[in-house]
Amino acid sequence: MPRIKQLPEDFIVKEVFEKQKTKEEEKVFYVWFTLRKKNWDLFRALNILSKKLGVSIKRFGYAGVKDKRAITYQRISVWNVPVERLKGLKIRDLELSDFEIKRERINLGDLRANRFEVVIRDIGNREKEKIEKNLERIGKEGFVNYFGEQRFGLRKNTHLVGKAILRNRLKEAVWVYLTKGGEENEEARKFRANLRRTKDFKRGLKDCPKNLRNEIVLMNHLTAKPNDYAGALRKIPKKFRRMFVHAYQSYL
């Protein structure tokens, strides 16, 4: 049976950007660079960069979220950080290159396109013929950009959280996020099952794996302010709240 994305090297994504010029006499504010990442989530990568540089993650801008299980190339902007400091960073499977000085920040949607290189493994003769026909059809008609972590996150319930938020069912949104996981390890599954059964945030905080930062933020807030589900959701970084809604849009 054909398989894709077995290795990060099987899925390569490169952004296509319009060339822009910066006048020498203009006052500059941003450094643009190409970020090459292998098997890294974008938000985790930016969080590491911000800590290494000692600046807020809010200084960074990007045009789109790329797949984690892949090798991806994308343009990133950062405000008021010397190029020399960026060049000096050494982080495994993260590479920074192609530095430019600009006046503008990179914002969501600024790229012109994405270029993909995909490896399909274990193709039999029957599948080969079918794949060739599908590729021909896609070349003519295209396809909906529906799948992937950049649309739905790493968990399968993200769109359900967005649906509840858009319907102003904020309590439901919080409980869906806290208690319905995806393909997670045993510790995370046990935490969610216990919380679903007990509805006890204090116990949940003791059981919750330390890497589930958003879950900890939600439970801390609701322990201090029970039933303030709107306030709890506002504690989650805006990028995640935006992704909930975008995931539901993609689902529709």
Protein backbone atom coordinates (compact mmCIF):
# COMPACT_ATOMS: atom_id res chain seq x y z
CA MET A 1 0.00 0.00 0.00
CA PRO A 2 1.42 3.43 -0.96
CA ARG A 3 2.59 5.56 1.96
CA ILE A 4 3.43 9.24 2.23
CA LYS A 5 5.23 11.30 4.90
CA GLN A 6 7.06 8.33 6.38
CA LEU A 7 10.09 10.56 6.89
CA PRO A 8 10.42 14.34 7.15
CA GLU A 9 12.51 14.16 3.96
CA ASP A 10 9.46 12.75 2.13
CA PHE A 11 7.59 16.05 2.36
CA ILE A 12 9.36 19.29 1.46
CA VAL A 13 7.58 22.66 1.44
CA LYS A 14 9.09 25.88 0.11
CA GLU A 15 7.37 29.25 0.18
CA VAL A 16 7.28 31.35 -2.98
CA PHE A 17 7.63 35.05 -2.14
CA GLU A 18 7.46 38.10 -4.36
CA LYS A 19 10.82 39.85 -4.55
CA GLN A 20 10.77 43.17 -2.73
CA LYS A 21 13.25 46.02 -2.65
CA THR A 22 14.33 48.11 0.30
CA LYS A 23 15.67 51.60 -0.30
CA GLU A 24 18.99 52.33 1.34
CA GLU A 25 17.82 55.60 2.87
CA GLU A 26 14.74 54.11 4.51
CA LYS A 27 14.74 53.51 8.23
CA VAL A 28 14.47 49.76 8.81
CA PHE A 29 12.75 47.84 11.55
CA TYR A 30 12.71 44.15 10.62
CA VAL A 31 15.09 41.39 9.64
CA TRP A 32 13.66 38.85 7.22
CA PHE A 33 15.24 35.41 7.00
CA THR A 34 14.54 31.95 5.64
CA LEU A 35 13.82 29.39 8.34
CA ARG A 36 14.56 25.79 7.40
CA LYS A 37 13.09 23.37 9.90
CA LYS A 38 12.99 19.59 10.02
CA ASN A 39 10.35 17.85 12.13
CA TRP A 40 9.62 21.05 14.05
CA ASP A 41 6.26 22.67 14.80
CA LEU A 42 6.45 26.35 13.79
CA PHE A 43 5.18 27.73 17.09
CA ARG A 44 7.66 25.63 19.06
CA ALA A 45 10.46 26.79 16.75
CA LEU A 46 9.55 30.46 17.21
CA ASN A 47 9.28 29.96 20.96
CA ILE A 48 12.81 28.52 21.06
CA LEU A 49 14.16 31.34 18.89
CA SER A 50 12.56 33.97 21.12
CA LYS A 51 14.10 32.40 24.24
CA LYS A 52 17.55 32.11 22.65
CA LEU A 53 17.41 35.75 21.57
CA GLY A 54 15.81 37.00 24.78
CA VAL A 55 12.93 38.74 22.98
CA SER A 56 9.15 38.38 22.92
CA ILE A 57 7.67 35.87 20.49
CA LYS A 58 5.35 38.70 19.39
CA ARG A 59 8.28 40.22 17.48
CA PHE A 60 8.14 37.41 14.91
CA GLY A 61 5.97 37.38 11.81
CA TYR A 62 5.22 34.63 9.30
CA ALA A 63 3.05 34.17 6.21
CA GLY A 64 1.73 30.69 6.98
CA VAL A 65 2.03 27.66 9.24
CA LYS A 66 3.91 24.73 7.72
CA ASP A 67 3.72 21.00 8.44
CA LYS A 68 5.67 19.61 11.37
CA ARG A 69 6.61 16.20 9.93
CA ALA A 70 8.42 17.63 6.94
CA ILE A 71 11.34 19.75 5.81
CA THR A 72 10.01 23.25 5.32
CA TYR A 73 11.43 26.55 4.13
CA GLN A 74 9.64 29.78 4.98
CA ARG A 75 10.29 33.49 5.37
CA ILE A 76 10.18 34.86 8.90
CA SER A 77 10.45 38.46 10.08
CA VAL A 78 11.70 39.61 13.47
CA TRP A 79 11.68 43.16 14.80
CA ASN A 80 14.82 44.90 16.02
CA VAL A 81 17.22 41.97 16.32
CA PRO A 82 20.74 42.35 14.83
CA VAL A 83 21.53 40.01 11.95
CA GLU A 84 24.73 38.93 13.70
CA ARG A 85 22.73 37.50 16.61
CA LEU A 86 20.51 35.54 14.25
CA LYS A 87 23.51 34.16 12.38
CA GLY A 88 25.03 33.00 15.66
CA LEU A 89 22.12 30.74 16.63
CA LYS A 90 22.84 27.00 16.67
CA ILE A 91 19.74 24.82 17.10
CA ARG A 92 19.45 21.25 15.90
CA ASP A 93 17.31 20.89 12.76
CA LEU A 94 16.71 24.65 12.55
CA GLU A 95 18.69 26.75 10.07
CA LEU A 96 18.48 30.50 9.41
CA SER A 97 19.72 32.03 6.14
CA ASP A 98 19.07 34.65 3.41
CA PHE A 99 18.91 37.66 5.74
CA GLU A 100 17.38 40.93 4.50
CA ILE A 101 16.61 44.24 6.17
CA LYS A 102 13.00 45.44 5.67
CA ARG A 103 10.59 48.06 6.92
CA GLU A 104 7.58 45.74 6.94
CA ARG A 105 6.60 42.79 9.08
CA ILE A 106 5.60 39.51 7.40
CA ASN A 107 1.91 38.83 8.02
CA LEU A 108 -0.36 35.84 7.44
CA GLY A 109 -1.11 35.39 3.75
CA ASP A 110 1.79 37.48 2.44
CA LEU A 111 3.32 34.63 0.43
CA ARG A 112 2.50 34.07 -3.25
CA ALA A 113 2.39 30.26 -3.12
CA ASN A 114 3.87 27.08 -1.64
CA ARG A 115 5.92 24.59 -3.65
CA PHE A 116 5.77 20.94 -2.55
CA GLU A 117 8.02 17.94 -3.11
CA VAL A 118 6.32 14.71 -1.99
CA VAL A 119 7.79 11.19 -1.90
CA ILE A 120 5.33 8.29 -2.16
CA ARG A 121 6.73 4.95 -1.02
CA ASP A 122 5.79 1.29 -1.57
CA ILE A 123 3.86 1.83 -4.80
CA GLY A 124 2.59 -1.29 -6.56
CA ASN A 125 1.73 -1.51 -10.26
CA ARG A 126 -2.01 -1.09 -9.66
CA GLU A 127 -1.51 1.91 -7.43
CA LYS A 128 0.94 3.48 -9.88
CA GLU A 129 -1.70 3.70 -12.61
CA LYS A 130 -4.25 5.16 -10.20
CA ILE A 131 -1.76 7.70 -8.85
CA GLU A 132 -0.83 8.83 -12.36
CA LYS A 133 -4.50 9.42 -13.19
CA ASN A 134 -5.06 11.34 -9.97
CA LEU A 135 -1.99 13.50 -10.56
CA GLU A 136 -3.26 14.34 -14.03
CA ARG A 137 -6.65 15.32 -12.59
CA ILE A 138 -5.07 17.41 -9.83
CA GLY A 139 -2.90 19.16 -12.40
CA LYS A 140 -6.03 20.23 -14.27
CA GLU A 141 -8.48 20.84 -11.43
CA GLY A 142 -6.36 21.33 -8.30
CA PHE A 143 -7.65 20.21 -4.90
CA VAL A 144 -8.92 21.74 -1.67
CA ASN A 145 -6.13 22.51 0.82
CA TYR A 146 -8.01 20.69 3.59
CA PHE A 147 -5.60 18.42 5.41
CA GLY A 148 -2.68 18.77 7.78
CA GLU A 149 -1.52 20.09 11.13
CA GLN A 150 -1.42 23.65 9.85
CA ARG A 151 -5.20 23.48 9.34
CA PHE A 152 -6.26 21.38 12.32
CA GLY A 153 -3.31 21.30 14.70
CA LEU A 154 -1.86 18.07 16.02
CA ARG A 155 -5.14 16.95 17.58
CA LYS A 156 -8.32 15.90 15.81
CA ASN A 157 -10.71 18.00 17.90
CA THR A 158 -9.45 21.48 17.04
CA HIS A 159 -12.29 22.22 14.62
CA LEU A 160 -14.83 21.19 17.28
CA VAL A 161 -13.37 23.79 19.64
CA GLY A 162 -13.68 26.40 16.89
CA LYS A 163 -17.28 25.37 16.19
CA ALA A 164 -18.22 25.81 19.86
CA ILE A 165 -16.48 29.20 20.03
CA LEU A 166 -18.30 30.50 16.95
CA ARG A 167 -21.61 29.40 18.48
CA ASN A 168 -20.67 31.15 21.74
CA ARG A 169 -20.67 27.85 23.63
CA LEU A 170 -17.51 28.70 25.52
CA LYS A 171 -17.93 26.12 28.30
CA GLU A 172 -18.30 23.42 25.65
CA ALA A 173 -15.22 24.73 23.82
CA VAL A 174 -13.10 24.47 26.96
CA TRP A 175 -14.28 20.98 27.87
CA VAL A 176 -13.81 19.68 24.33
CA TYR A 177 -10.25 21.02 24.34
CA LEU A 178 -9.45 19.59 27.76
CA THR A 179 -11.04 16.15 27.51
CA LYS A 180 -10.99 15.08 23.85
CA GLY A 181 -7.51 14.33 22.58
CA GLY A 182 -6.05 12.73 19.48
CA GLU A 183 -3.21 10.26 19.09
CA GLU A 184 -1.47 10.96 22.39
CA ASN A 185 0.64 9.05 24.88
CA GLU A 186 -0.83 7.06 27.76
CA GLU A 187 -0.21 9.81 30.33
CA ALA A 188 -2.16 12.40 28.32
CA ARG A 189 -5.03 10.00 27.59
CA LYS A 190 -5.30 9.07 31.27
CA PHE A 191 -5.34 12.74 32.31
CA ARG A 192 -8.17 13.56 29.90
CA ALA A 193 -10.22 10.50 30.89
CA ASN A 194 -9.89 11.31 34.61
CA LEU A 195 -10.80 14.96 34.09
CA ARG A 196 -13.81 13.98 31.99
CA ARG A 197 -14.96 11.68 34.80
CA THR A 198 -14.19 13.85 37.86
CA LYS A 199 -14.52 17.38 36.43
CA ASP A 200 -12.01 18.34 39.12
CA PHE A 201 -9.55 20.99 37.90
CA LYS A 202 -7.34 20.81 40.99
CA ARG A 203 -6.81 17.09 40.50
CA GLY A 204 -6.45 17.69 36.77
CA LEU A 205 -3.54 20.05 37.43
CA LYS A 206 -1.78 17.29 39.36
CA ASP A 207 -2.39 14.71 36.62
CA CYS A 208 -1.72 16.94 33.60
CA PRO A 209 1.53 16.32 31.67
CA LYS A 210 3.79 19.38 31.87
CA ASN A 211 3.97 19.74 28.08
CA LEU A 212 0.21 20.43 27.83
CA ARG A 213 0.70 24.12 28.55
CA ASN A 214 -2.65 25.38 27.25
CA GLU A 215 -4.52 22.82 29.33
CA ILE A 216 -2.64 23.94 32.44
CA VAL A 217 -3.43 27.59 31.69
CA LEU A 218 -7.14 26.82 31.29
CA MET A 219 -7.37 24.79 34.50
CA ASN A 220 -5.40 27.32 36.55
CA HIS A 221 -7.78 30.08 35.51
CA LEU A 222 -10.91 28.01 36.15
CA THR A 223 -9.61 26.92 39.54
CA ALA A 224 -9.26 30.58 40.52
CA LYS A 225 -12.40 31.76 38.69
CA PRO A 226 -14.93 28.91 38.28
CA ASN A 227 -17.28 29.24 35.30
CA ASP A 228 -15.26 32.09 33.72
CA TYR A 229 -14.83 30.18 30.47
CA ALA A 230 -14.45 33.33 28.37
CA GLY A 231 -11.59 34.51 30.56
CA ALA A 232 -9.99 31.07 30.46
CA LEU A 233 -9.99 31.02 26.66
CA ARG A 234 -8.48 34.52 26.55
CA LYS A 235 -5.51 33.17 28.52
CA ILE A 236 -4.58 30.94 25.57
CA PRO A 237 -2.26 32.66 23.05
CA LYS A 238 -4.14 34.35 20.22
CA LYS A 239 -2.43 32.18 17.58
CA PHE A 240 -4.13 29.08 19.01
CA ARG A 241 -7.54 30.75 19.33
CA ARG A 242 -7.26 31.85 15.73
CA MET A 243 -6.34 28.30 14.69
CA PHE A 244 -9.49 26.90 16.35
CA VAL A 245 -11.68 29.09 14.14
CA HIS A 246 -9.59 28.51 11.01
CA ALA A 247 -9.78 24.75 11.61
CA TYR A 248 -13.57 24.87 11.62
CA GLN A 249 -13.53 26.97 8.44
CA SER A 250 -11.32 24.35 6.77
CA TYR A 251 -13.59 21.57 8.03
CA LEU A 252 -16.61 23.23 6.45
